[in-house]
Amino acid sequence: MSKSIKELSQMDGRVYVYLRTAAIAKEFLKQAETEGFTFCDGIKPTERKGEEIMAVNPDLTLNYVGTNGRIAYGSGVKYIGNRRLIRIDYEKLISKNK
Protein backbone atom coordinates (compact mmCIF):
# COMPACT_ATOMS: atom_id res chain seq x y z
CA MET A 1 0.00 0.00 0.00
CA SER A 2 1.20 3.51 -0.76
CA LYS A 3 1.99 6.20 1.74
CA SER A 4 -0.53 8.45 3.48
CA ILE A 5 0.01 12.20 3.47
CA LYS A 6 1.08 11.95 7.09
CA GLU A 7 3.77 9.43 6.09
CA LEU A 8 4.92 11.80 3.34
CA SER A 9 5.32 14.55 5.94
CA GLN A 10 7.80 12.40 7.85
CA MET A 11 10.10 11.78 4.88
CA ASP A 12 13.64 13.13 5.16
CA GLY A 13 13.48 16.24 3.01
CA ARG A 14 11.23 18.98 1.66
CA VAL A 15 8.08 17.30 0.29
CA TYR A 16 6.35 18.95 -2.67
CA VAL A 17 3.14 17.33 -3.93
CA TYR A 18 2.06 17.78 -7.54
CA LEU A 19 -1.69 18.12 -8.07
CA ARG A 20 -2.44 17.92 -11.80
CA THR A 21 -6.12 19.01 -11.73
CA ALA A 22 -8.49 20.94 -9.48
CA ALA A 23 -10.33 17.68 -8.73
CA ILE A 24 -7.12 15.98 -7.62
CA ALA A 25 -6.22 19.02 -5.50
CA LYS A 26 -9.64 18.89 -3.83
CA GLU A 27 -9.19 15.20 -3.05
CA PHE A 28 -5.69 15.88 -1.64
CA LEU A 29 -6.99 18.66 0.64
CA LYS A 30 -9.84 16.46 1.85
CA GLN A 31 -7.46 13.60 2.68
CA ALA A 32 -5.00 15.97 4.35
CA GLU A 33 -7.75 17.35 6.57
CA THR A 34 -8.89 13.82 7.48
CA GLU A 35 -5.30 13.05 8.52
CA GLY A 36 -5.14 16.10 10.82
CA PHE A 37 -3.38 18.66 8.61
CA THR A 38 -4.04 22.39 8.63
CA PHE A 39 -2.47 25.34 6.88
CA CYS A 40 0.24 27.12 8.88
CA ASP A 41 -2.34 29.65 10.12
CA GLY A 42 -4.67 26.92 11.43
CA ILE A 43 -7.17 27.03 8.56
CA LYS A 44 -8.56 23.63 7.53
CA PRO A 45 -7.36 22.42 4.12
CA THR A 46 -10.87 22.14 2.66
CA GLU A 47 -11.50 25.82 3.42
CA ARG A 48 -8.92 26.82 0.80
CA LYS A 49 -8.27 26.11 -2.85
CA GLY A 50 -5.46 23.77 -3.81
CA GLU A 51 -2.63 24.80 -6.12
CA GLU A 52 -0.66 22.76 -8.65
CA ILE A 53 2.17 22.23 -6.14
CA MET A 54 1.68 22.10 -2.37
CA ALA A 55 4.22 21.56 0.39
CA VAL A 56 3.66 19.00 3.15
CA ASN A 57 5.47 19.77 6.41
CA PRO A 58 6.58 17.53 9.32
CA ASP A 59 4.41 19.50 11.78
CA LEU A 60 1.26 18.40 9.87
CA THR A 61 0.81 21.71 8.09
CA LEU A 62 0.47 22.47 4.41
CA ASN A 63 1.58 25.52 2.51
CA TYR A 64 1.52 26.92 -0.98
CA VAL A 65 4.76 26.81 -2.96
CA GLY A 66 6.00 30.16 -4.24
CA THR A 67 7.84 31.05 -7.42
CA ASN A 68 11.27 29.86 -6.28
CA GLY A 69 9.85 26.55 -5.08
CA ARG A 70 8.03 26.04 -8.39
CA ILE A 71 11.24 26.72 -10.29
CA ALA A 72 13.10 24.26 -8.06
CA TYR A 73 10.37 21.63 -8.55
CA GLY A 74 10.53 21.87 -12.32
CA SER A 75 14.29 22.29 -12.67
CA GLY A 76 15.41 18.87 -11.51
CA VAL A 77 17.46 20.17 -8.57
CA LYS A 78 17.96 17.63 -5.82
CA TYR A 79 18.15 20.02 -2.82
CA ILE A 80 16.47 23.15 -1.55
CA GLY A 81 19.04 24.68 0.76
CA ASN A 82 20.34 21.72 2.73
CA ARG A 83 17.14 19.65 2.45
CA ARG A 84 16.53 17.04 -0.21
CA LEU A 85 13.62 17.93 -2.53
CA ILE A 86 11.10 15.10 -2.66
CA ARG A 87 8.61 15.27 -5.55
CA ILE A 88 5.35 13.35 -5.15
CA ASP A 89 2.68 13.03 -7.84
CA TYR A 90 -0.50 12.71 -5.77
CA GLU A 91 -2.49 11.21 -8.63
CA LYS A 92 0.01 8.34 -8.93
CA LEU A 93 0.07 7.95 -5.15
CA ILE A 94 -3.68 7.53 -4.86
CA SER A 95 -3.90 5.24 -7.89
CA LYS A 96 -1.52 2.86 -6.05
CA ASN A 97 -3.83 2.98 -3.01
CA LYS A 98 -6.87 1.75 -5.00
PDB file of N, CA and C in Angstrom:
ATOM      1  N   MET A   1       0.847  -1.191   0.000  1.00  0.00           N
ATOM      2  CA  MET A   1       0.000   0.000   0.000  1.00  0.00           C
ATOM      3  C   MET A   1       0.886   1.246   0.000  1.00  0.00           C
ATOM      4  N   SER A   2       0.438   2.272  -0.660  1.00  0.00           N
ATOM      5  CA  SER A   2       1.200   3.514  -0.756  1.00  0.00           C
ATOM      6  C   SER A   2       1.086   4.345   0.513  1.00  0.00           C
ATOM      7  N   LYS A   3       1.898   5.361   0.552  1.00  0.00           N
ATOM      8  CA  LYS A   3       1.990   6.202   1.740  1.00  0.00           C
ATOM      9  C   LYS A   3       0.779   7.125   1.913  1.00  0.00           C
ATOM     10  N   SER A   4       0.463   7.428   3.167  1.00  0.00           N
ATOM     11  CA  SER A   4      -0.526   8.449   3.479  1.00  0.00           C
ATOM     12  C   SER A   4       0.180   9.807   3.406  1.00  0.00           C
ATOM     13  N   ILE A   5      -0.587  10.869   3.465  1.00  0.00           N
ATOM     14  CA  ILE A   5       0.013  12.203   3.467  1.00  0.00           C
ATOM     15  C   ILE A   5       0.830  12.393   4.740  1.00  0.00           C
ATOM     16  N   LYS A   6       0.345  11.859   5.835  1.00  0.00           N
ATOM     17  CA  LYS A   6       1.084  11.951   7.093  1.00  0.00           C
ATOM     18  C   LYS A   6       2.444  11.264   6.965  1.00  0.00           C
ATOM     19  N   GLU A   7       2.490  10.116   6.313  1.00  0.00           N
ATOM     20  CA  GLU A   7       3.767   9.431   6.091  1.00  0.00           C
ATOM     21  C   GLU A   7       4.682  10.257   5.199  1.00  0.00           C
ATOM     22  N   LEU A   8       4.107  10.920   4.200  1.00  0.00           N
ATOM     23  CA  LEU A   8       4.921  11.795   3.344  1.00  0.00           C
ATOM     24  C   LEU A   8       5.569  12.898   4.168  1.00  0.00           C
ATOM     25  N   SER A   9       4.822  13.433   5.125  1.00  0.00           N
ATOM     26  CA  SER A   9       5.323  14.549   5.937  1.00  0.00           C
ATOM     27  C   SER A   9       6.530  14.152   6.791  1.00  0.00           C
ATOM     28  N   GLN A  10       6.700  12.863   7.008  1.00  0.00           N
ATOM     29  CA  GLN A  10       7.801  12.396   7.849  1.00  0.00           C
ATOM     30  C   GLN A  10       9.023  11.964   7.038  1.00  0.00           C
ATOM     31  N   MET A  11       8.956  12.133   5.717  1.00  0.00           N
ATOM     32  CA  MET A  11      10.096  11.780   4.877  1.00  0.00           C
ATOM     33  C   MET A  11      11.245  12.764   5.139  1.00  0.00           C
ATOM     34  N   ASP A  12      12.450  12.327   4.877  1.00  0.00           N
ATOM     35  CA  ASP A  12      13.642  13.127   5.156  1.00  0.00           C
ATOM     36  C   ASP A  12      13.929  14.088   4.003  1.00  0.00           C
ATOM     37  N   GLY A  13      13.279  15.243   4.044  1.00  0.00           N
ATOM     38  CA  GLY A  13      13.476  16.244   3.013  1.00  0.00           C
ATOM     39  C   GLY A  13      12.289  17.179   2.924  1.00  0.00           C
ATOM     40  N   ARG A  14      12.306  18.028   1.922  1.00  0.00           N
ATOM     41  CA  ARG A  14      11.227  18.983   1.658  1.00  0.00           C
ATOM     42  C   ARG A  14      10.277  18.312   0.676  1.00  0.00           C
ATOM     43  N   VAL A  15       9.033  18.061   1.096  1.00  0.00           N
ATOM     44  CA  VAL A  15       8.082  17.301   0.294  1.00  0.00           C
ATOM     45  C   VAL A  15       7.150  18.260  -0.455  1.00  0.00           C
ATOM     46  N   TYR A  16       7.232  18.191  -1.799  1.00  0.00           N
ATOM     47  CA  TYR A  16       6.348  18.947  -2.672  1.00  0.00           C
ATOM     48  C   TYR A  16       5.434  17.953  -3.387  1.00  0.00           C
ATOM     49  N   VAL A  17       4.128  18.220  -3.337  1.00  0.00           N
ATOM     50  CA  VAL A  17       3.144  17.328  -3.927  1.00  0.00           C
ATOM     51  C   VAL A  17       2.538  18.003  -5.158  1.00  0.00           C
ATOM     52  N   TYR A  18       2.608  17.292  -6.276  1.00  0.00           N
ATOM     53  CA  TYR A  18       2.064  17.783  -7.543  1.00  0.00           C
ATOM     54  C   TYR A  18       0.610  17.367  -7.652  1.00  0.00           C
ATOM     55  N   LEU A  19      -0.258  18.339  -7.953  1.00  0.00           N
ATOM     56  CA  LEU A  19      -1.695  18.120  -8.069  1.00  0.00           C
ATOM     57  C   LEU A  19      -2.126  18.566  -9.467  1.00  0.00           C
ATOM     58  N   ARG A  20      -2.261  17.631 -10.379  1.00  0.00           N
ATOM     59  CA  ARG A  20      -2.443  17.920 -11.803  1.00  0.00           C
ATOM     60  C   ARG A  20      -3.728  18.672 -12.132  1.00  0.00           C
ATOM     61  N   THR A  21      -4.824  18.382 -11.430  1.00  0.00           N
ATOM     62  CA  THR A  21      -6.115  19.014 -11.725  1.00  0.00           C
ATOM     63  C   THR A  21      -6.744  19.568 -10.450  1.00  0.00           C
ATOM     64  N   ALA A  22      -7.756  20.399 -10.635  1.00  0.00           N
ATOM     65  CA  ALA A  22      -8.485  20.935  -9.483  1.00  0.00           C
ATOM     66  C   ALA A  22      -9.173  19.821  -8.701  1.00  0.00           C
ATOM     67  N   ALA A  23      -9.673  18.808  -9.401  1.00  0.00           N
ATOM     68  CA  ALA A  23     -10.334  17.683  -8.726  1.00  0.00           C
ATOM     69  C   ALA A  23      -9.342  16.900  -7.867  1.00  0.00           C
ATOM     70  N   ILE A  24      -8.149  16.687  -8.386  1.00  0.00           N
ATOM     71  CA  ILE A  24      -7.120  15.981  -7.616  1.00  0.00           C
ATOM     72  C   ILE A  24      -6.700  16.824  -6.415  1.00  0.00           C
ATOM     73  N   ALA A  25      -6.568  18.132  -6.605  1.00  0.00           N
ATOM     74  CA  ALA A  25      -6.217  19.024  -5.499  1.00  0.00           C
ATOM     75  C   ALA A  25      -7.277  18.971  -4.406  1.00  0.00           C
ATOM     76  N   LYS A  26      -8.538  18.960  -4.807  1.00  0.00           N
ATOM     77  CA  LYS A  26      -9.637  18.891  -3.833  1.00  0.00           C
ATOM     78  C   LYS A  26      -9.574  17.591  -3.036  1.00  0.00           C
ATOM     79  N   GLU A  27      -9.304  16.495  -3.717  1.00  0.00           N
ATOM     80  CA  GLU A  27      -9.186  15.199  -3.045  1.00  0.00           C
ATOM     81  C   GLU A  27      -8.004  15.196  -2.066  1.00  0.00           C
ATOM     82  N   PHE A  28      -6.880  15.777  -2.498  1.00  0.00           N
ATOM     83  CA  PHE A  28      -5.694  15.884  -1.640  1.00  0.00           C
ATOM     84  C   PHE A  28      -6.017  16.670  -0.371  1.00  0.00           C
ATOM     85  N   LEU A  29      -6.660  17.819  -0.520  1.00  0.00           N
ATOM     86  CA  LEU A  29      -6.988  18.662   0.640  1.00  0.00           C
ATOM     87  C   LEU A  29      -7.952  17.948   1.580  1.00  0.00           C
ATOM     88  N   LYS A  30      -8.897  17.223   1.021  1.00  0.00           N
ATOM     89  CA  LYS A  30      -9.844  16.461   1.848  1.00  0.00           C
ATOM     90  C   LYS A  30      -9.110  15.388   2.642  1.00  0.00           C
ATOM     91  N   GLN A  31      -8.218  14.630   1.975  1.00  0.00           N
ATOM     92  CA  GLN A  31      -7.460  13.595   2.678  1.00  0.00           C
ATOM     93  C   GLN A  31      -6.548  14.209   3.740  1.00  0.00           C
ATOM     94  N   ALA A  32      -5.890  15.309   3.389  1.00  0.00           N
ATOM     95  CA  ALA A  32      -4.996  15.969   4.349  1.00  0.00           C
ATOM     96  C   ALA A  32      -5.763  16.384   5.604  1.00  0.00           C
ATOM     97  N   GLU A  33      -6.945  16.933   5.425  1.00  0.00           N
ATOM     98  CA  GLU A  33      -7.754  17.348   6.572  1.00  0.00           C
ATOM     99  C   GLU A  33      -8.144  16.144   7.423  1.00  0.00           C
ATOM    100  N   THR A  34      -8.531  15.054   6.775  1.00  0.00           N
ATOM    101  CA  THR A  34      -8.891  13.824   7.483  1.00  0.00           C
ATOM    102  C   THR A  34      -7.719  13.310   8.320  1.00  0.00           C
ATOM    103  N   GLU A  35      -6.496  13.515   7.815  1.00  0.00           N
ATOM    104  CA  GLU A  35      -5.298  13.051   8.518  1.00  0.00           C
ATOM    105  C   GLU A  35      -4.784  14.056   9.550  1.00  0.00           C
ATOM    106  N   GLY A  36      -5.501  15.163   9.754  1.00  0.00           N
ATOM    107  CA  GLY A  36      -5.142  16.103  10.817  1.00  0.00           C
ATOM    108  C   GLY A  36      -4.310  17.301  10.389  1.00  0.00           C
ATOM    109  N   PHE A  37      -4.158  17.524   9.096  1.00  0.00           N
ATOM    110  CA  PHE A  37      -3.379  18.658   8.613  1.00  0.00           C
ATOM    111  C   PHE A  37      -4.183  19.950   8.659  1.00  0.00           C
ATOM    112  N   THR A  38      -3.476  21.054   8.784  1.00  0.00           N
ATOM    113  CA  THR A  38      -4.037  22.390   8.628  1.00  0.00           C
ATOM    114  C   THR A  38      -3.036  23.204   7.808  1.00  0.00           C
ATOM    115  N   PHE A  39      -3.441  24.398   7.418  1.00  0.00           N
ATOM    116  CA  PHE A  39      -2.465  25.335   6.876  1.00  0.00           C
ATOM    117  C   PHE A  39      -1.711  25.932   8.063  1.00  0.00           C
ATOM    118  N   CYS A  40      -0.620  26.586   7.803  1.00  0.00           N
ATOM    119  CA  CYS A  40       0.237  27.120   8.875  1.00  0.00           C
ATOM    120  C   CYS A  40      -0.508  28.077   9.807  1.00  0.00           C
ATOM    121  N   ASP A  41      -1.566  28.713   9.298  1.00  0.00           N
ATOM    122  CA  ASP A  41      -2.345  29.651  10.119  1.00  0.00           C
ATOM    123  C   ASP A  41      -3.537  28.988  10.806  1.00  0.00           C
ATOM    124  N   GLY A  42      -3.612  27.651  10.745  1.00  0.00           N
ATOM    125  CA  GLY A  42      -4.665  26.920  11.431  1.00  0.00           C
ATOM    126  C   GLY A  42      -5.922  26.677  10.611  1.00  0.00           C
ATOM    127  N   ILE A  43      -5.999  27.226   9.417  1.00  0.00           N
ATOM    128  CA  ILE A  43      -7.175  27.029   8.562  1.00  0.00           C
ATOM    129  C   ILE A  43      -7.196  25.593   8.047  1.00  0.00           C
ATOM    130  N   LYS A  44      -8.406  24.995   8.028  1.00  0.00           N
ATOM    131  CA  LYS A  44      -8.555  23.629   7.535  1.00  0.00           C
ATOM    132  C   LYS A  44      -8.292  23.587   6.028  1.00  0.00           C
ATOM    133  N   PRO A  45      -7.673  22.522   5.543  1.00  0.00           N
ATOM    134  CA  PRO A  45      -7.365  22.421   4.117  1.00  0.00           C
ATOM    135  C   PRO A  45      -8.558  22.603   3.189  1.00  0.00           C
ATOM    136  N   THR A  46      -9.720  22.057   3.551  1.00  0.00           N
ATOM    137  CA  THR A  46     -10.875  22.142   2.656  1.00  0.00           C
ATOM    138  C   THR A  46     -11.485  23.540   2.606  1.00  0.00           C
ATOM    139  N   GLU A  47     -11.008  24.439   3.446  1.00  0.00           N
ATOM    140  CA  GLU A  47     -11.497  25.817   3.418  1.00  0.00           C
ATOM    141  C   GLU A  47     -10.714  26.684   2.435  1.00  0.00           C
ATOM    142  N   ARG A  48      -9.725  26.095   1.788  1.00  0.00           N
ATOM    143  CA  ARG A  48      -8.922  26.818   0.799  1.00  0.00           C
ATOM    144  C   ARG A  48      -8.857  26.039  -0.496  1.00  0.00           C
ATOM    145  N   LYS A  49      -8.435  26.723  -1.527  1.00  0.00           N
ATOM    146  CA  LYS A  49      -8.274  26.112  -2.846  1.00  0.00           C
ATOM    147  C   LYS A  49      -6.872  25.533  -2.958  1.00  0.00           C
ATOM    148  N   GLY A  50      -6.763  24.367  -3.578  1.00  0.00           N
ATOM    149  CA  GLY A  50      -5.457  23.774  -3.813  1.00  0.00           C
ATOM    150  C   GLY A  50      -4.755  24.436  -4.979  1.00  0.00           C
ATOM    151  N   GLU A  51      -3.459  24.305  -5.019  1.00  0.00           N
ATOM    152  CA  GLU A  51      -2.635  24.797  -6.120  1.00  0.00           C
ATOM    153  C   GLU A  51      -1.959  23.605  -6.786  1.00  0.00           C
ATOM    154  N   GLU A  52      -1.298  23.836  -7.892  1.00  0.00           N
ATOM    155  CA  GLU A  52      -0.655  22.761  -8.650  1.00  0.00           C
ATOM    156  C   GLU A  52       0.428  22.054  -7.840  1.00  0.00           C
ATOM    157  N   ILE A  53       1.140  22.812  -6.998  1.00  0.00           N
ATOM    158  CA  ILE A  53       2.174  22.229  -6.140  1.00  0.00           C
ATOM    159  C   ILE A  53       1.942  22.720  -4.718  1.00  0.00           C
ATOM    160  N   MET A  54       1.874  21.778  -3.788  1.00  0.00           N
ATOM    161  CA  MET A  54       1.677  22.102  -2.374  1.00  0.00           C
ATOM    162  C   MET A  54       2.802  21.454  -1.572  1.00  0.00           C
ATOM    163  N   ALA A  55       3.199  22.115  -0.492  1.00  0.00           N
ATOM    164  CA  ALA A  55       4.224  21.563   0.393  1.00  0.00           C
ATOM    165  C   ALA A  55       3.556  20.889   1.586  1.00  0.00           C
ATOM    166  N   VAL A  56       4.120  19.758   1.984  1.00  0.00           N
ATOM    167  CA  VAL A  56       3.661  18.999   3.149  1.00  0.00           C
ATOM    168  C   VAL A  56       4.780  19.063   4.179  1.00  0.00           C
ATOM    169  N   ASN A  57       4.456  19.524   5.384  1.00  0.00           N
ATOM    170  CA  ASN A  57       5.467  19.766   6.415  1.00  0.00           C
ATOM    171  C   ASN A  57       5.396  18.760   7.558  1.00  0.00           C
ATOM    172  N   PRO A  58       6.532  18.514   8.228  1.00  0.00           N
ATOM    173  CA  PRO A  58       6.578  17.529   9.321  1.00  0.00           C
ATOM    174  C   PRO A  58       5.656  17.848  10.499  1.00  0.00           C
ATOM    175  N   ASP A  59       5.282  19.129  10.656  1.00  0.00           N
ATOM    176  CA  ASP A  59       4.407  19.502  11.775  1.00  0.00           C
ATOM    177  C   ASP A  59       2.920  19.396  11.419  1.00  0.00           C
ATOM    178  N   LEU A  60       2.621  18.636  10.352  1.00  0.00           N
ATOM    179  CA  LEU A  60       1.255  18.399   9.874  1.00  0.00           C
ATOM    180  C   LEU A  60       0.581  19.684   9.391  1.00  0.00           C
ATOM    181  N   THR A  61       1.360  20.538   8.757  1.00  0.00           N
ATOM    182  CA  THR A  61       0.814  21.711   8.091  1.00  0.00           C
ATOM    183  C   THR A  61       1.094  21.606   6.600  1.00  0.00           C
ATOM    184  N   LEU A  62       0.307  22.355   5.852  1.00  0.00           N
ATOM    185  CA  LEU A  62       0.468  22.474   4.414  1.00  0.00           C
ATOM    186  C   LEU A  62       0.797  23.921   4.099  1.00  0.00           C
ATOM    187  N   ASN A  63       1.452  24.155   2.987  1.00  0.00           N
ATOM    188  CA  ASN A  63       1.584  25.521   2.509  1.00  0.00           C
ATOM    189  C   ASN A  63       1.699  25.543   0.996  1.00  0.00           C
ATOM    190  N   TYR A  64       1.368  26.709   0.451  1.00  0.00           N
ATOM    191  CA  TYR A  64       1.521  26.918  -0.984  1.00  0.00           C
ATOM    192  C   TYR A  64       2.995  27.064  -1.296  1.00  0.00           C
ATOM    193  N   VAL A  65       3.376  26.710  -2.514  1.00  0.00           N
ATOM    194  CA  VAL A  65       4.756  26.809  -2.965  1.00  0.00           C
ATOM    195  C   VAL A  65       4.869  28.051  -3.840  1.00  0.00           C
ATOM    196  N   GLY A  66       5.808  28.919  -3.504  1.00  0.00           N
ATOM    197  CA  GLY A  66       5.998  30.162  -4.245  1.00  0.00           C
ATOM    198  C   GLY A  66       6.806  29.962  -5.520  1.00  0.00           C
ATOM    199  N   THR A  67       7.136  31.062  -6.137  1.00  0.00           N
ATOM    200  CA  THR A  67       7.841  31.049  -7.422  1.00  0.00           C
ATOM    201  C   THR A  67       9.152  30.284  -7.359  1.00  0.00           C
ATOM    202  N   ASN A  68       9.978  30.554  -6.368  1.00  0.00           N
ATOM    203  CA  ASN A  68      11.270  29.857  -6.279  1.00  0.00           C
ATOM    204  C   ASN A  68      11.090  28.355  -6.088  1.00  0.00           C
ATOM    205  N   GLY A  69      10.123  27.962  -5.279  1.00  0.00           N
ATOM    206  CA  GLY A  69       9.847  26.546  -5.080  1.00  0.00           C
ATOM    207  C   GLY A  69       9.347  25.871  -6.352  1.00  0.00           C
ATOM    208  N   ARG A  70       8.539  26.581  -7.118  1.00  0.00           N
ATOM    209  CA  ARG A  70       8.033  26.037  -8.387  1.00  0.00           C
ATOM    210  C   ARG A  70       9.179  25.856  -9.383  1.00  0.00           C
ATOM    211  N   ILE A  71      10.074  26.834  -9.411  1.00  0.00           N
ATOM    212  CA  ILE A  71      11.239  26.722 -10.291  1.00  0.00           C
ATOM    213  C   ILE A  71      12.085  25.526  -9.869  1.00  0.00           C
ATOM    214  N   ALA A  72      12.309  25.386  -8.568  1.00  0.00           N
ATOM    215  CA  ALA A  72      13.096  24.255  -8.060  1.00  0.00           C
ATOM    216  C   ALA A  72      12.426  22.934  -8.421  1.00  0.00           C
ATOM    217  N   TYR A  73      11.111  22.868  -8.249  1.00  0.00           N
ATOM    218  CA  TYR A  73      10.374  21.627  -8.546  1.00  0.00           C
ATOM    219  C   TYR A  73      10.570  21.224  -9.999  1.00  0.00           C
ATOM    220  N   GLY A  74      10.458  22.178 -10.906  1.00  0.00           N
ATOM    221  CA  GLY A  74      10.533  21.872 -12.324  1.00  0.00           C
ATOM    222  C   GLY A  74      11.934  21.765 -12.890  1.00  0.00           C
ATOM    223  N   SER A  75      12.932  22.201 -12.129  1.00  0.00           N
ATOM    224  CA  SER A  75      14.292  22.286 -12.671  1.00  0.00           C
ATOM    225  C   SER A  75      15.095  20.996 -12.543  1.00  0.00           C
ATOM    226  N   GLY A  76      14.651  20.103 -11.705  1.00  0.00           N
ATOM    227  CA  GLY A  76      15.406  18.870 -11.508  1.00  0.00           C
ATOM    228  C   GLY A  76      16.443  18.950 -10.402  1.00  0.00           C
ATOM    229  N   VAL A  77      16.496  20.089  -9.665  1.00  0.00           N
ATOM    230  CA  VAL A  77      17.458  20.173  -8.567  1.00  0.00           C
ATOM    231  C   VAL A  77      17.142  19.098  -7.534  1.00  0.00           C
ATOM    232  N   LYS A  78      18.142  18.691  -6.812  1.00  0.00           N
ATOM    233  CA  LYS A  78      17.963  17.633  -5.816  1.00  0.00           C
ATOM    234  C   LYS A  78      17.817  18.175  -4.394  1.00  0.00           C
ATOM    235  N   TYR A  79      18.207  19.438  -4.161  1.00  0.00           N
ATOM    236  CA  TYR A  79      18.151  20.021  -2.817  1.00  0.00           C
ATOM    237  C   TYR A  79      17.580  21.434  -2.862  1.00  0.00           C
ATOM    238  N   ILE A  80      16.871  21.776  -1.813  1.00  0.00           N
ATOM    239  CA  ILE A  80      16.470  23.153  -1.550  1.00  0.00           C
ATOM    240  C   ILE A  80      17.197  23.518  -0.263  1.00  0.00           C
ATOM    241  N   GLY A  81      18.163  24.410  -0.378  1.00  0.00           N
ATOM    242  CA  GLY A  81      19.035  24.681   0.762  1.00  0.00           C
ATOM    243  C   GLY A  81      19.774  23.394   1.085  1.00  0.00           C
ATOM    244  N   ASN A  82      19.674  22.964   2.331  1.00  0.00           N
ATOM    245  CA  ASN A  82      20.343  21.721   2.733  1.00  0.00           C
ATOM    246  C   ASN A  82      19.375  20.545   2.850  1.00  0.00           C
ATOM    247  N   ARG A  83      18.138  20.724   2.379  1.00  0.00           N
ATOM    248  CA  ARG A  83      17.135  19.649   2.451  1.00  0.00           C
ATOM    249  C   ARG A  83      16.881  19.055   1.072  1.00  0.00           C
ATOM    250  N   ARG A  84      16.823  17.751   1.031  1.00  0.00           N
ATOM    251  CA  ARG A  84      16.526  17.037  -0.212  1.00  0.00           C
ATOM    252  C   ARG A  84      15.111  17.392  -0.673  1.00  0.00           C
ATOM    253  N   LEU A  85      14.938  17.659  -1.965  1.00  0.00           N
ATOM    254  CA  LEU A  85      13.621  17.935  -2.526  1.00  0.00           C
ATOM    255  C   LEU A  85      12.983  16.616  -2.954  1.00  0.00           C
ATOM    256  N   ILE A  86      11.826  16.327  -2.365  1.00  0.00           N
ATOM    257  CA  ILE A  86      11.096  15.102  -2.660  1.00  0.00           C
ATOM    258  C   ILE A  86       9.844  15.481  -3.446  1.00  0.00           C
ATOM    259  N   ARG A  87       9.742  14.986  -4.668  1.00  0.00           N
ATOM    260  CA  ARG A  87       8.611  15.272  -5.553  1.00  0.00           C
ATOM    261  C   ARG A  87       7.644  14.093  -5.522  1.00  0.00           C
ATOM    262  N   ILE A  88       6.384  14.383  -5.210  1.00  0.00           N
ATOM    263  CA  ILE A  88       5.346  13.354  -5.153  1.00  0.00           C
ATOM    264  C   ILE A  88       4.226  13.748  -6.113  1.00  0.00           C
ATOM    265  N   ASP A  89       3.839  12.828  -6.970  1.00  0.00           N
ATOM    266  CA  ASP A  89       2.680  13.031  -7.837  1.00  0.00           C
ATOM    267  C   ASP A  89       1.497  12.390  -7.113  1.00  0.00           C
ATOM    268  N   TYR A  90       0.605  13.215  -6.581  1.00  0.00           N
ATOM    269  CA  TYR A  90      -0.496  12.712  -5.766  1.00  0.00           C
ATOM    270  C   TYR A  90      -1.412  11.773  -6.553  1.00  0.00           C
ATOM    271  N   GLU A  91      -1.628  12.062  -7.815  1.00  0.00           N
ATOM    272  CA  GLU A  91      -2.492  11.209  -8.635  1.00  0.00           C
ATOM    273  C   GLU A  91      -1.933   9.792  -8.719  1.00  0.00           C
ATOM    274  N   LYS A  92      -0.630   9.668  -8.900  1.00  0.00           N
ATOM    275  CA  LYS A  92       0.007   8.344  -8.931  1.00  0.00           C
ATOM    276  C   LYS A  92      -0.051   7.683  -7.562  1.00  0.00           C
ATOM    277  N   LEU A  93       0.133   8.473  -6.517  1.00  0.00           N
ATOM    278  CA  LEU A  93       0.075   7.953  -5.149  1.00  0.00           C
ATOM    279  C   LEU A  93      -1.282   7.334  -4.855  1.00  0.00           C
ATOM    280  N   ILE A  94      -2.350   8.049  -5.173  1.00  0.00           N
ATOM    281  CA  ILE A  94      -3.683   7.527  -4.855  1.00  0.00           C
ATOM    282  C   ILE A  94      -4.080   6.384  -5.771  1.00  0.00           C
ATOM    283  N   SER A  95      -3.566   6.370  -6.999  1.00  0.00           N
ATOM    284  CA  SER A  95      -3.897   5.242  -7.886  1.00  0.00           C
ATOM    285  C   SER A  95      -3.271   3.948  -7.367  1.00  0.00           C
ATOM    286  N   LYS A  96      -2.148   4.040  -6.661  1.00  0.00           N
ATOM    287  CA  LYS A  96      -1.525   2.860  -6.055  1.00  0.00           C
ATOM    288  C   LYS A  96      -2.324   2.398  -4.841  1.00  0.00           C
ATOM    289  N   ASN A  97      -3.061   3.321  -4.204  1.00  0.00           N
ATOM    290  CA  ASN A  97      -3.832   2.984  -3.012  1.00  0.00           C
ATOM    291  C   ASN A  97      -5.144   2.284  -3.357  1.00  0.00           C
ATOM    292  N   LYS A  98      -5.550   2.314  -4.617  1.00  0.00           N
ATOM    293  CA  LYS A  98      -6.870   1.749  -4.996  1.00  0.00           C
ATOM    294  C   LYS A  98      -6.759   0.287  -5.321  1.00  0.00           C
TER     295      LYS A  98
END
